[in-house]
């Protein structure tokens, strides 16, 4: 699946983080918006809830450190809006 440009920029920011940081936080879920880390969470659900709380109807990246899967959200898509 191709990433849209906004999410690709956020994912590239994640990839640019030091490998040591990734090792120390392996398995945690990171919330990224505007090429800034907005927190590390124990679960996807926690990161998702915080992303909705902080960013509302905008795109943000949720990524489990160490995973190859990229999870991104735009709350408009969750409500059926475009």
N, C-alpha and C. Protein backbone atom coordinates (compact mmCIF):
# COMPACT_ATOMS: atom_id res chain seq x y z
N UNK A 1 0.84 -1.17 0.00
CA UNK A 1 0.00 0.00 0.00
C UNK A 1 0.89 1.24 0.00
N UNK A 2 0.59 2.17 -0.88
CA UNK A 2 1.35 3.40 -0.96
C UNK A 2 0.89 4.38 0.12
N UNK A 3 1.84 5.06 0.70
CA UNK A 3 1.53 6.06 1.71
C UNK A 3 1.29 7.40 1.04
N UNK A 4 0.36 8.19 1.58
CA UNK A 4 0.21 9.53 1.03
C UNK A 4 1.41 10.36 1.46
N UNK A 5 1.60 11.50 0.83
CA UNK A 5 2.81 12.30 1.03
C UNK A 5 2.96 12.78 2.48
N UNK A 6 1.88 13.19 3.12
CA UNK A 6 1.97 13.66 4.51
C UNK A 6 2.44 12.55 5.43
N UNK A 7 1.85 11.37 5.27
CA UNK A 7 2.22 10.25 6.13
C UNK A 7 3.62 9.75 5.79
N UNK A 8 3.98 9.77 4.52
CA UNK A 8 5.33 9.37 4.13
C UNK A 8 6.36 10.28 4.80
N UNK A 9 6.09 11.56 4.85
CA UNK A 9 7.00 12.52 5.51
C UNK A 9 7.14 12.18 7.00
N UNK A 10 6.02 11.83 7.64
CA UNK A 10 6.07 11.46 9.06
C UNK A 10 6.84 10.16 9.24
N UNK A 11 6.62 9.19 8.36
CA UNK A 11 7.32 7.91 8.45
C UNK A 11 8.82 8.09 8.19
N UNK A 12 9.17 8.93 7.24
CA UNK A 12 10.58 9.21 6.98
C UNK A 12 11.24 9.83 8.22
N UNK A 13 10.49 10.70 8.91
CA UNK A 13 10.99 11.27 10.16
C UNK A 13 11.24 10.16 11.18
N UNK A 14 10.29 9.25 11.31
CA UNK A 14 10.48 8.10 12.22
C UNK A 14 11.75 7.33 11.85
N UNK A 15 11.91 7.04 10.56
CA UNK A 15 13.08 6.28 10.11
C UNK A 15 14.39 7.00 10.42
N UNK A 16 14.36 8.32 10.49
CA UNK A 16 15.57 9.10 10.74
C UNK A 16 15.99 9.08 12.21
N UNK A 17 15.17 8.53 13.08
CA UNK A 17 15.50 8.51 14.50
C UNK A 17 16.64 7.52 14.76
N UNK A 18 17.44 7.80 15.77
CA UNK A 18 18.61 6.95 16.05
C UNK A 18 18.21 5.49 16.33
N UNK A 19 19.00 4.58 15.82
CA UNK A 19 18.74 3.15 16.03
C UNK A 19 18.73 2.80 17.51
N UNK A 20 19.57 3.45 18.29
CA UNK A 20 19.61 3.18 19.73
C UNK A 20 18.26 3.51 20.37
N UNK A 21 17.66 4.63 19.96
CA UNK A 21 16.34 5.02 20.47
C UNK A 21 15.30 3.98 20.11
N UNK A 22 15.37 3.49 18.87
CA UNK A 22 14.42 2.47 18.42
C UNK A 22 14.59 1.18 19.23
N UNK A 23 15.84 0.80 19.51
CA UNK A 23 16.09 -0.40 20.31
C UNK A 23 15.57 -0.24 21.73
N UNK A 24 15.79 0.92 22.32
CA UNK A 24 15.35 1.18 23.69
C UNK A 24 13.82 1.16 23.81
N UNK A 25 13.14 1.53 22.73
CA UNK A 25 11.68 1.65 22.75
C UNK A 25 10.98 0.59 21.92
N UNK A 26 11.69 -0.46 21.57
CA UNK A 26 11.15 -1.54 20.74
C UNK A 26 9.82 -2.05 21.32
N UNK A 27 8.82 -2.15 20.46
CA UNK A 27 7.52 -2.67 20.87
C UNK A 27 6.55 -1.61 21.36
N UNK A 28 7.06 -0.42 21.68
CA UNK A 28 6.16 0.67 22.07
C UNK A 28 5.55 1.28 20.81
N UNK A 29 4.50 2.03 21.00
CA UNK A 29 3.83 2.68 19.88
C UNK A 29 4.09 4.17 19.96
N UNK A 30 4.55 4.72 18.84
CA UNK A 30 4.89 6.14 18.79
C UNK A 30 3.82 6.91 18.02
N UNK A 31 3.55 8.11 18.48
CA UNK A 31 2.60 9.02 17.84
C UNK A 31 3.41 10.17 17.26
N UNK A 32 3.29 10.37 15.94
CA UNK A 32 4.07 11.40 15.25
C UNK A 32 3.13 12.30 14.45
N UNK A 33 3.37 13.60 14.58
CA UNK A 33 2.62 14.60 13.81
C UNK A 33 3.56 15.77 13.57
N UNK A 34 3.57 16.28 12.34
CA UNK A 34 4.41 17.42 11.97
C UNK A 34 5.89 17.17 12.26
N UNK A 35 6.33 15.95 11.97
CA UNK A 35 7.71 15.53 12.16
C UNK A 35 8.19 15.79 13.58
N UNK A 36 7.33 15.46 14.52
CA UNK A 36 7.63 15.58 15.94
C UNK A 36 7.01 14.39 16.66
N UNK A 37 7.75 13.82 17.59
CA UNK A 37 7.23 12.72 18.40
C UNK A 37 6.37 13.32 19.51
N UNK A 38 5.12 12.88 19.55
CA UNK A 38 4.17 13.40 20.54
C UNK A 38 3.90 12.41 21.65
N UNK A 39 4.68 11.35 21.71
CA UNK A 39 4.56 10.43 22.82
C UNK A 39 4.80 9.00 22.42
N UNK A 40 5.17 8.21 23.44
CA UNK A 40 5.33 6.77 23.31
C UNK A 40 4.25 6.13 24.17
N UNK A 41 3.62 5.09 23.66
CA UNK A 41 2.49 4.47 24.34
C UNK A 41 2.66 2.96 24.38
N UNK A 42 2.02 2.36 25.37
CA UNK A 42 2.11 0.91 25.54
C UNK A 42 1.28 0.17 24.50
N UNK A 43 0.27 0.84 23.94
CA UNK A 43 -0.60 0.16 22.97
C UNK A 43 -1.02 1.09 21.85
N UNK A 44 -1.44 0.49 20.77
CA UNK A 44 -2.02 1.23 19.64
C UNK A 44 -3.22 2.04 20.11
N UNK A 45 -4.08 1.43 20.91
CA UNK A 45 -5.31 2.09 21.36
C UNK A 45 -4.99 3.38 22.12
N UNK A 46 -3.99 3.32 23.00
CA UNK A 46 -3.60 4.51 23.75
C UNK A 46 -3.09 5.61 22.82
N UNK A 47 -2.26 5.23 21.85
CA UNK A 47 -1.73 6.21 20.90
C UNK A 47 -2.85 6.79 20.04
N UNK A 48 -3.77 5.96 19.62
CA UNK A 48 -4.89 6.42 18.81
C UNK A 48 -5.75 7.43 19.57
N UNK A 49 -6.10 7.09 20.80
CA UNK A 49 -6.92 7.99 21.61
C UNK A 49 -6.22 9.34 21.82
N UNK A 50 -4.93 9.30 22.08
CA UNK A 50 -4.19 10.54 22.28
C UNK A 50 -4.10 11.34 20.98
N UNK A 51 -3.93 10.65 19.86
CA UNK A 51 -3.90 11.33 18.57
C UNK A 51 -5.20 12.05 18.28
N UNK A 52 -6.32 11.41 18.55
CA UNK A 52 -7.63 12.04 18.36
C UNK A 52 -7.77 13.24 19.30
N UNK A 53 -7.36 13.06 20.53
CA UNK A 53 -7.46 14.14 21.53
C UNK A 53 -6.62 15.35 21.12
N UNK A 54 -5.39 15.10 20.68
CA UNK A 54 -4.47 16.20 20.36
C UNK A 54 -4.73 16.83 19.00
N UNK A 55 -5.08 16.00 18.01
CA UNK A 55 -5.07 16.49 16.63
C UNK A 55 -6.43 16.50 15.94
N UNK A 56 -7.43 15.89 16.54
CA UNK A 56 -8.76 15.92 15.96
C UNK A 56 -8.80 15.44 14.53
N UNK A 57 -9.35 16.26 13.65
CA UNK A 57 -9.62 15.88 12.26
C UNK A 57 -8.45 16.12 11.32
N UNK A 58 -7.27 15.66 11.71
CA UNK A 58 -6.10 15.79 10.85
C UNK A 58 -5.38 14.45 10.76
N UNK A 59 -4.43 14.38 9.87
CA UNK A 59 -3.64 13.16 9.71
C UNK A 59 -2.56 13.10 10.77
N UNK A 60 -2.29 11.87 11.23
CA UNK A 60 -1.16 11.64 12.12
C UNK A 60 -0.71 10.22 11.94
N UNK A 61 0.50 9.94 12.39
CA UNK A 61 1.10 8.61 12.23
C UNK A 61 1.15 7.90 13.57
N UNK A 62 0.73 6.65 13.56
CA UNK A 62 0.90 5.75 14.70
C UNK A 62 1.77 4.61 14.19
N UNK A 63 2.83 4.31 14.91
CA UNK A 63 3.73 3.25 14.45
C UNK A 63 4.27 2.46 15.63
N UNK A 64 4.18 1.14 15.53
CA UNK A 64 4.78 0.29 16.55
C UNK A 64 6.26 0.16 16.22
N UNK A 65 7.10 0.57 17.13
CA UNK A 65 8.54 0.57 16.90
C UNK A 65 9.02 -0.86 16.71
N UNK A 66 9.67 -1.09 15.59
CA UNK A 66 10.15 -2.41 15.24
C UNK A 66 9.26 -3.13 14.24
N UNK A 67 8.07 -2.63 14.04
CA UNK A 67 7.13 -3.24 13.10
C UNK A 67 7.35 -2.68 11.70
N UNK A 68 7.03 -3.47 10.70
CA UNK A 68 7.11 -3.00 9.33
C UNK A 68 5.79 -2.36 8.88
N UNK A 69 4.72 -2.58 9.63
CA UNK A 69 3.42 -2.01 9.29
C UNK A 69 3.35 -0.55 9.74
N UNK A 70 2.80 0.30 8.89
CA UNK A 70 2.63 1.70 9.19
C UNK A 70 1.14 1.96 9.35
N UNK A 71 0.74 2.49 10.49
CA UNK A 71 -0.66 2.83 10.73
C UNK A 71 -0.79 4.33 10.74
N UNK A 72 -1.69 4.83 9.92
CA UNK A 72 -1.89 6.27 9.88
C UNK A 72 -3.37 6.57 9.92
N UNK A 73 -3.68 7.74 10.39
CA UNK A 73 -5.08 8.08 10.56
C UNK A 73 -5.37 9.49 10.12
N UNK A 74 -6.51 9.63 9.51
CA UNK A 74 -7.13 10.88 9.21
C UNK A 74 -8.54 10.70 9.73
N UNK A 75 -8.93 11.42 10.75
CA UNK A 75 -10.22 11.16 11.36
C UNK A 75 -11.38 11.44 10.43
N UNK A 76 -11.18 12.24 9.39
CA UNK A 76 -12.25 12.41 8.40
C UNK A 76 -12.59 11.07 7.77
N UNK A 77 -11.58 10.24 7.50
CA UNK A 77 -11.85 8.95 6.87
C UNK A 77 -12.60 8.02 7.82
N UNK A 78 -12.41 8.20 9.12
CA UNK A 78 -13.11 7.37 10.08
C UNK A 78 -14.59 7.73 10.18
N UNK A 79 -14.91 8.98 9.85
CA UNK A 79 -16.30 9.42 9.92
C UNK A 79 -16.98 9.42 8.57
N UNK A 80 -16.26 9.00 7.53
CA UNK A 80 -16.85 8.93 6.19
C UNK A 80 -16.74 10.22 5.41
N UNK A 81 -16.07 11.21 5.95
CA UNK A 81 -15.88 12.47 5.25
C UNK A 81 -14.60 12.40 4.44
N UNK A 82 -14.44 13.24 3.43
CA UNK A 82 -13.21 13.29 2.66
C UNK A 82 -12.57 14.64 2.74
